């Protein structure tokens, strides 16, 4: 099993047998999360140091399954509230990465031949 998938399985508290039943959904969530994060990072791929974000967001999205689009859910005396932005708590980290990896426009040179 892929390292990321195994870590996600552990965070979800599922044994391998139960995980096999939802593995396709988790893989789909991981693919979507990775695509969205790479766009936010303005990168073609998700750098290794951001894998913790992929895992955390996949778990959030998995736990919200069947409640997509809802801001909160009430059951008996329990209320669960969902963030509207799965990447919101990582915004400062993402922005710092984007700022640090912008091309240096002052060092551009043009040569005429």
Foldseek 3Di string as FASTA:
>chain_A
DDPLLVVLCVVLVHDPVVCVVCVVVLVVLLVVLQVVLCVLLVHPGDDPVCSVLSSQLSNLVVVCPVVPPDQWDDDDPDIDGHDPDSCVVVVVVSVVSSVVPDDDPVPDDDDDD
